[in-house]
C-alpha atoms as a PDB file:
ATOM      1  CA  MET A   1      77.382  96.220 165.501  1.00  0.00           C
ATOM      2  CA  ILE A   2      74.458  98.794 165.071  1.00  0.00           C
ATOM      3  CA  ARG A   3      74.844 102.104 167.039  1.00  0.00           C
ATOM      4  CA  PRO A   4      71.854 103.956 168.108  1.00  0.00           C
ATOM      5  CA  LYS A   5      71.031 107.013 165.762  1.00  0.00           C
ATOM      6  CA  SER A   6      71.870 109.515 168.406  1.00  0.00           C
ATOM      7  CA  MET A   7      75.165 108.045 168.568  1.00  0.00           C
ATOM      8  CA  LEU A   8      76.127 108.153 164.991  1.00  0.00           C
ATOM      9  CA  PRO A   9      78.633 111.208 164.300  1.00  0.00           C
ATOM     10  CA  ALA A  10      77.372 113.918 162.037  1.00  0.00           C
ATOM     11  CA  ARG A  11      79.276 114.545 158.669  1.00  0.00           C
ATOM     12  CA  PRO A  12      80.888 117.688 158.092  1.00  0.00           C
ATOM     13  CA  GLY A  13      78.221 120.318 156.675  1.00  0.00           C
ATOM     14  CA  GLN A  14      75.307 117.543 156.788  1.00  0.00           C
ATOM     15  CA  GLY A  15      72.610 119.721 158.619  1.00  0.00           C
ATOM     16  CA  SER A  16      71.578 123.339 159.116  1.00  0.00           C
ATOM     17  CA  ILE A  17      73.157 125.364 162.094  1.00  0.00           C
ATOM     18  CA  LEU A  18      70.201 127.379 162.279  1.00  0.00           C
ATOM     19  CA  ARG A  19      67.651 124.229 162.672  1.00  0.00           C
ATOM     20  CA  GLY A  20      70.001 122.752 164.914  1.00  0.00           C
ATOM     21  CA  ILE A  21      69.995 125.759 167.577  1.00  0.00           C
ATOM     22  CA  PHE A  22      66.004 125.898 167.079  1.00  0.00           C
ATOM     23  CA  LEU A  23      65.551 121.981 167.459  1.00  0.00           C
ATOM     24  CA  LEU A  24      67.903 122.073 170.633  1.00  0.00           C
ATOM     25  CA  ALA A  25      65.897 125.291 171.934  1.00  0.00           C
ATOM     26  CA  ARG A  26      62.854 123.114 171.694  1.00  0.00           C
ATOM     27  CA  GLY A  27      64.058 120.199 173.773  1.00  0.00           C
ATOM     28  CA  ARG A  28      64.834 117.957 170.337  1.00  0.00           C
ATOM     29  CA  ARG A  29      68.003 115.855 170.869  1.00  0.00           C
ATOM     30  CA  ALA A  30      67.509 115.514 166.914  1.00  0.00           C
ATOM     31  CA  GLY A  31      69.142 119.040 166.985  1.00  0.00           C
ATOM     32  CA  ILE A  32      72.589 117.947 167.842  1.00  0.00           C
ATOM     33  CA  ALA A  33      72.991 116.181 164.617  1.00  0.00           C
ATOM     34  CA  GLU A  34      72.767 119.162 162.658  1.00  0.00           C
ATOM     35  CA  PHE A  35      76.238 120.248 163.713  1.00  0.00           C
ATOM     36  CA  ALA A  36      79.309 118.747 162.142  1.00  0.00           C
ATOM     37  CA  ASN A  37      81.516 116.738 164.401  1.00  0.00           C
ATOM     38  CA  SER A  38      85.033 118.196 163.095  1.00  0.00           C
ATOM     39  CA  GLY A  39      87.517 120.674 163.803  1.00  0.00           C
ATOM     40  CA  ASP A  40      86.525 123.029 161.029  1.00  0.00           C
ATOM     41  CA  ALA A  41      83.252 123.111 162.618  1.00  0.00           C
ATOM     42  CA  LEU A  42      84.381 124.104 165.881  1.00  0.00           C
ATOM     43  CA  SER A  43      86.858 126.996 164.504  1.00  0.00           C
ATOM     44  CA  ALA A  44      83.779 128.373 162.476  1.00  0.00           C
ATOM     45  CA  SER A  45      81.787 128.404 165.893  1.00  0.00           C
ATOM     46  CA  LEU A  46      84.473 130.172 167.687  1.00  0.00           C
ATOM     47  CA  ALA A  47      85.232 132.881 165.264  1.00  0.00           C
ATOM     48  CA  PRO A  48      82.355 135.103 166.081  1.00  0.00           C
ATOM     49  CA  LEU A  49      82.817 134.620 169.799  1.00  0.00           C
ATOM     50  CA  ILE A  50      86.409 135.672 169.709  1.00  0.00           C
ATOM     51  CA  ALA A  51      85.812 138.573 166.859  1.00  0.00           C
ATOM     52  CA  PHE A  52      83.453 140.431 169.570  1.00  0.00           C
ATOM     53  CA  PRO A  53      85.706 140.854 172.432  1.00  0.00           C
ATOM     54  CA  MET A  54      88.625 141.892 170.029  1.00  0.00           C
ATOM     55  CA  VAL A  55      86.469 144.416 168.761  1.00  0.00           C
ATOM     56  CA  GLY A  56      85.148 145.728 172.055  1.00  0.00           C
ATOM     57  CA  ALA A  57      88.825 145.879 173.247  1.00  0.00           C
ATOM     58  CA  GLY A  58      90.082 147.905 170.436  1.00  0.00           C
ATOM     59  CA  ILE A  59      87.149 150.344 170.958  1.00  0.00           C
ATOM     60  CA  ILE A  60      88.599 150.467 174.899  1.00  0.00           C
ATOM     61  CA  ALA A  61      91.892 150.981 173.379  1.00  0.00           C
ATOM     62  CA  LEU A  62      90.899 153.841 171.263  1.00  0.00           C
ATOM     63  CA  GLY A  63      89.329 155.379 173.990  1.00  0.00           C
ATOM     64  CA  GLY A  64      93.030 155.693 175.816  1.00  0.00           C
ATOM     65  CA  GLN A  65      92.665 152.628 177.972  1.00  0.00           C
ATOM     66  CA  PRO A  66      95.164 150.101 176.350  1.00  0.00           C
ATOM     67  CA  GLU A  67      95.896 148.139 179.548  1.00  0.00           C
ATOM     68  CA  LEU A  68      92.028 147.896 180.669  1.00  0.00           C
ATOM     69  CA  ALA A  69      91.365 146.568 176.876  1.00  0.00           C
ATOM     70  CA  ALA A  70      94.153 144.025 177.215  1.00  0.00           C
ATOM     71  CA  ILE A  71      92.808 142.541 180.399  1.00  0.00           C
ATOM     72  CA  ALA A  72      89.064 142.786 179.148  1.00  0.00           C
ATOM     73  CA  LEU A  73      90.444 140.727 176.062  1.00  0.00           C
ATOM     74  CA  LEU A  74      92.115 138.177 177.990  1.00  0.00           C
ATOM     75  CA  SER A  75      89.417 137.681 180.315  1.00  0.00           C
ATOM     76  CA  ARG A  76      86.789 137.158 177.671  1.00  0.00           C
ATOM     77  CA  LEU A  77      89.092 134.812 175.337  1.00  0.00           C
ATOM     78  CA  SER A  78      89.595 133.078 178.213  1.00  0.00           C
ATOM     79  CA  GLY A  79      86.094 132.483 179.123  1.00  0.00           C
ATOM     80  CA  VAL A  80      85.017 131.550 175.401  1.00  0.00           C
ATOM     81  CA  LEU A  81      88.001 129.148 174.988  1.00  0.00           C
ATOM     82  CA  ALA A  82      87.435 127.264 178.458  1.00  0.00           C
ATOM     83  CA  LEU A  83      84.227 125.950 177.223  1.00  0.00           C
ATOM     84  CA  PRO A  84      85.762 123.631 174.708  1.00  0.00           C
ATOM     85  CA  VAL A  85      88.327 122.769 176.630  1.00  0.00           C
ATOM     86  CA  ILE A  86      86.338 121.651 179.691  1.00  0.00           C
ATOM     87  CA  THR A  87      83.740 119.795 177.138  1.00  0.00           C
ATOM     88  CA  GLN A  88      86.958 117.885 175.587  1.00  0.00           C
ATOM     89  CA  ALA A  89      88.511 117.391 179.203  1.00  0.00           C
ATOM     90  CA  TYR A  90      85.299 115.745 180.524  1.00  0.00           C
ATOM     91  CA  ALA A  91      84.118 114.085 177.411  1.00  0.00           C
ATOM     92  CA  LYS A  92      87.635 112.446 177.632  1.00  0.00           C
ATOM     93  CA  TRP A  93      86.728 111.184 181.350  1.00  0.00           C
ATOM     94  CA  MET A  94      83.613 109.954 180.593  1.00  0.00           C
ATOM     95  CA  GLY A  95      84.634 107.908 177.497  1.00  0.00           C
ATOM     96  CA  ARG A  96      82.717 110.250 174.902  1.00  0.00           C
ATOM     97  CA  GLU A  97      85.717 111.819 173.418  1.00  0.00           C
ATOM     98  CA  ASN A  98      84.602 111.193 170.121  1.00  0.00           C
ATOM     99  CA  PHE A  99      81.500 113.393 170.126  1.00  0.00           C
ATOM    100  CA  TRP A 100      82.982 116.725 171.763  1.00  0.00           C
ATOM    101  CA  LEU A 101      83.824 118.785 169.049  1.00  0.00           C
ATOM    102  CA  ARG A 102      80.288 118.399 167.897  1.00  0.00           C
ATOM    103  CA  THR A 103      78.928 119.054 171.427  1.00  0.00           C
ATOM    104  CA  ALA A 104      81.339 122.089 171.612  1.00  0.00           C
ATOM    105  CA  THR A 105      80.222 123.556 168.404  1.00  0.00           C
ATOM    106  CA  ALA A 106      76.634 122.934 169.228  1.00  0.00           C
ATOM    107  CA  LEU A 107      77.081 124.878 172.546  1.00  0.00           C
ATOM    108  CA  ASN A 108      79.038 127.792 170.839  1.00  0.00           C
ATOM    109  CA  TRP A 109      76.465 128.448 168.294  1.00  0.00           C
ATOM    110  CA  SER A 110      73.622 127.930 170.685  1.00  0.00           C
ATOM    111  CA  PHE A 111      74.998 131.187 172.611  1.00  0.00           C
ATOM    112  CA  TRP A 112      73.598 133.608 169.946  1.00  0.00           C
ATOM    113  CA  LEU A 113      70.374 132.280 170.798  1.00  0.00           C
ATOM    114  CA  LEU A 114      70.345 134.692 173.943  1.00  0.00           C
ATOM    115  CA  ILE A 115      70.011 137.563 171.497  1.00  0.00           C
ATOM    116  CA  PRO A 116      66.466 136.748 170.267  1.00  0.00           C
ATOM    117  CA  LEU A 117      65.683 135.938 173.459  1.00  0.00           C
ATOM    118  CA  LEU A 118      66.701 139.276 175.095  1.00  0.00           C
ATOM    119  CA  PHE A 119      64.508 140.753 173.054  1.00  0.00           C
ATOM    120  CA  VAL A 120      61.312 138.318 174.116  1.00  0.00           C
ATOM    121  CA  ALA A 121      62.595 139.118 177.590  1.00  0.00           C
ATOM    122  CA  ALA A 122      62.156 142.565 176.997  1.00  0.00           C
ATOM    123  CA  PHE A 123      58.736 142.339 175.861  1.00  0.00           C
ATOM    124  CA  ILE A 124      57.594 140.351 178.780  1.00  0.00           C
ATOM    125  CA  VAL A 125      59.157 142.899 181.112  1.00  0.00           C
ATOM    126  CA  ALA A 126      57.019 145.865 179.317  1.00  0.00           C
ATOM    127  CA  ALA A 127      54.038 143.359 179.511  1.00  0.00           C
ATOM    128  CA  LEU A 128      54.183 142.822 183.428  1.00  0.00           C
ATOM    129  CA  VAL A 129      54.917 146.361 183.976  1.00  0.00           C
ATOM    130  CA  THR A 130      51.918 147.560 181.988  1.00  0.00           C
ATOM    131  CA  ALA A 131      49.991 144.790 184.312  1.00  0.00           C
ATOM    132  CA  GLY A 132      50.957 146.692 187.268  1.00  0.00           C
ATOM    133  CA  VAL A 133      54.192 144.456 188.196  1.00  0.00           C
ATOM    134  CA  PRO A 134      56.726 146.849 189.788  1.00  0.00           C
ATOM    135  CA  ASP A 135      59.934 147.168 187.584  1.00  0.00           C
ATOM    136  CA  ILE A 136      62.400 145.644 189.551  1.00  0.00           C
ATOM    137  CA  LYS A 137      60.444 142.822 190.236  1.00  0.00           C
ATOM    138  CA  ALA A 138      59.405 142.163 186.692  1.00  0.00           C
ATOM    139  CA  GLU A 139      62.970 142.477 185.486  1.00  0.00           C
ATOM    140  CA  ALA A 140      64.260 140.096 188.168  1.00  0.00           C
ATOM    141  CA  THR A 141      61.713 137.603 187.436  1.00  0.00           C
ATOM    142  CA  VAL A 142      62.557 137.494 183.772  1.00  0.00           C
ATOM    143  CA  ILE A 143      66.140 137.513 184.018  1.00  0.00           C
ATOM    144  CA  VAL A 144      66.003 134.553 186.475  1.00  0.00           C
ATOM    145  CA  LEU A 145      63.716 132.652 184.365  1.00  0.00           C
ATOM    146  CA  LEU A 146      66.439 133.528 181.356  1.00  0.00           C
ATOM    147  CA  GLY A 147      69.177 132.272 183.022  1.00  0.00           C
ATOM    148  CA  VAL A 148      67.176 128.959 184.289  1.00  0.00           C
ATOM    149  CA  TYR A 149      66.578 128.282 180.762  1.00  0.00           C
ATOM    150  CA  MET A 150      70.129 129.171 179.262  1.00  0.00           C
ATOM    151  CA  LEU A 151      71.451 126.664 181.811  1.00  0.00           C
ATOM    152  CA  TRP A 152      68.760 123.952 181.055  1.00  0.00           C
ATOM    153  CA  LEU A 153      69.787 124.385 176.972  1.00  0.00           C
ATOM    154  CA  HIS A 154      73.466 124.261 178.268  1.00  0.00           C
ATOM    155  CA  TRP A 155      72.481 120.914 180.162  1.00  0.00           C
ATOM    156  CA  PHE A 156      70.284 119.395 177.543  1.00  0.00           C
ATOM    157  CA  THR A 157      73.127 120.147 174.850  1.00  0.00           C
ATOM    158  CA  VAL A 158      75.832 118.454 176.397  1.00  0.00           C
ATOM    159  CA  ARG A 159      73.222 115.766 177.333  1.00  0.00           C
ATOM    160  CA  SER A 160      72.516 115.131 173.987  1.00  0.00           C
ATOM    161  CA  GLY A 161      75.987 115.533 172.247  1.00  0.00           C
ATOM    162  CA  LEU A 162      78.103 113.298 174.811  1.00  0.00           C
ATOM    163  CA  ASN A 163      74.926 110.951 175.643  1.00  0.00           C
ATOM    164  CA  LEU A 164      75.453 111.613 179.380  1.00  0.00           C
ATOM    165  CA  SER A 165      73.059 110.839 182.169  1.00  0.00           C
ATOM    166  CA  VAL A 166      71.245 113.435 183.829  1.00  0.00           C
ATOM    167  CA  TRP A 167      73.785 114.149 186.669  1.00  0.00           C
ATOM    168  CA  ARG A 168      76.573 113.744 184.620  1.00  0.00           C
ATOM    169  CA  ALA A 169      75.146 116.509 182.326  1.00  0.00           C
ATOM    170  CA  VAL A 170      74.522 118.623 185.593  1.00  0.00           C
ATOM    171  CA  GLY A 171      78.158 118.120 186.657  1.00  0.00           C
ATOM    172  CA  LEU A 172      79.602 119.618 183.388  1.00  0.00           C
ATOM    173  CA  VAL A 173      77.188 122.251 183.488  1.00  0.00           C
ATOM    174  CA  CYS A 174      78.359 123.260 186.964  1.00  0.00           C
ATOM    175  CA  ILE A 175      82.178 123.003 186.238  1.00  0.00           C
ATOM    176  CA  SER A 176      81.947 125.034 183.123  1.00  0.00           C
ATOM    177  CA  ASN A 177      79.642 127.658 184.276  1.00  0.00           C
ATOM    178  CA  ILE A 178      82.098 128.109 187.516  1.00  0.00           C
ATOM    179  CA  VAL A 179      85.127 128.345 185.619  1.00  0.00           C
ATOM    180  CA  ILE A 180      83.924 130.542 182.683  1.00  0.00           C
ATOM    181  CA  GLY A 181      82.505 132.870 185.235  1.00  0.00           C
ATOM    182  CA  LEU A 182      85.952 133.119 187.273  1.00  0.00           C
ATOM    183  CA  LEU A 183      87.690 133.645 183.876  1.00  0.00           C
ATOM    184  CA  THR A 184      85.444 136.043 182.430  1.00  0.00           C
ATOM    185  CA  PHE A 185      84.452 138.100 185.656  1.00  0.00           C
ATOM    186  CA  GLY A 186      87.459 137.296 188.110  1.00  0.00           C
ATOM    187  CA  PRO A 187      89.383 140.483 186.978  1.00  0.00           C
ATOM    188  CA  ASP A 188      86.638 142.847 187.552  1.00  0.00           C
ATOM    189  CA  LEU A 189      85.735 141.418 190.976  1.00  0.00           C
ATOM    190  CA  ALA A 190      89.684 141.526 191.774  1.00  0.00           C
ATOM    191  CA  ASP A 191      89.564 145.105 190.653  1.00  0.00           C
ATOM    192  CA  LEU A 192      86.751 146.033 192.481  1.00  0.00           C
ATOM    193  CA  VAL A 193      87.721 144.152 195.987  1.00  0.00           C
ATOM    194  CA  ALA A 194      91.117 146.402 195.581  1.00  0.00           C
ATOM    195  CA  THR A 195      89.560 149.606 195.107  1.00  0.00           C
ATOM    196  CA  ASN A 196      87.439 148.698 198.040  1.00  0.00           C
ATOM    197  CA  ILE A 197      90.574 147.962 200.164  1.00  0.00           C
ATOM    198  CA  LYS A 198      92.511 151.322 198.932  1.00  0.00           C
ATOM    199  CA  ALA A 199      89.121 153.442 199.565  1.00  0.00           C
ATOM    200  CA  HIS A 200      89.112 152.038 203.306  1.00  0.00           C
ATOM    201  CA  GLY A 201      92.710 152.281 203.834  1.00  0.00           C
ATOM    202  CA  LEU A 202      93.496 148.660 204.341  1.00  0.00           C
END
């Protein structure tokens, strides 16, 4: 039986991560095949995402706040590791478990596209302000557009990687972002609520 080309798993080391990122960013499904469908590839994509929170936590700890450093590290790591876990569980539920490693790897590497996009966003904000648009309005507009684009990229990547329908891909994106948001920012929100309660003597 001949499978569609998009369903064929990529061989480890077959493609270029950078090319894959930019193909997906442009809405080209071929980009998903640039990522290897292996545990080693997933581990490599997780390494920098884990390293940065560890460095940040180390800096906080050296500043004399070890407890805050531990909480920040655990919340950030939980958010990073939740994405592949959710992707694997959803892929298994949808009968696409053979492709979850490649999809999770692509999602992890695609996160770094945010860095050049932030530079582009800053340039656009500056251009809008120069054109007479109020600072707050310009910043809010660009932030919303950037957020929408990143959500679209997440949706397009999981749809391409797991061969999902439009709405099944939407479901995975919603579940992933809600869970990751709670894990990442939950401790900060809980601390803010507790602080407000104490301040008002409740």
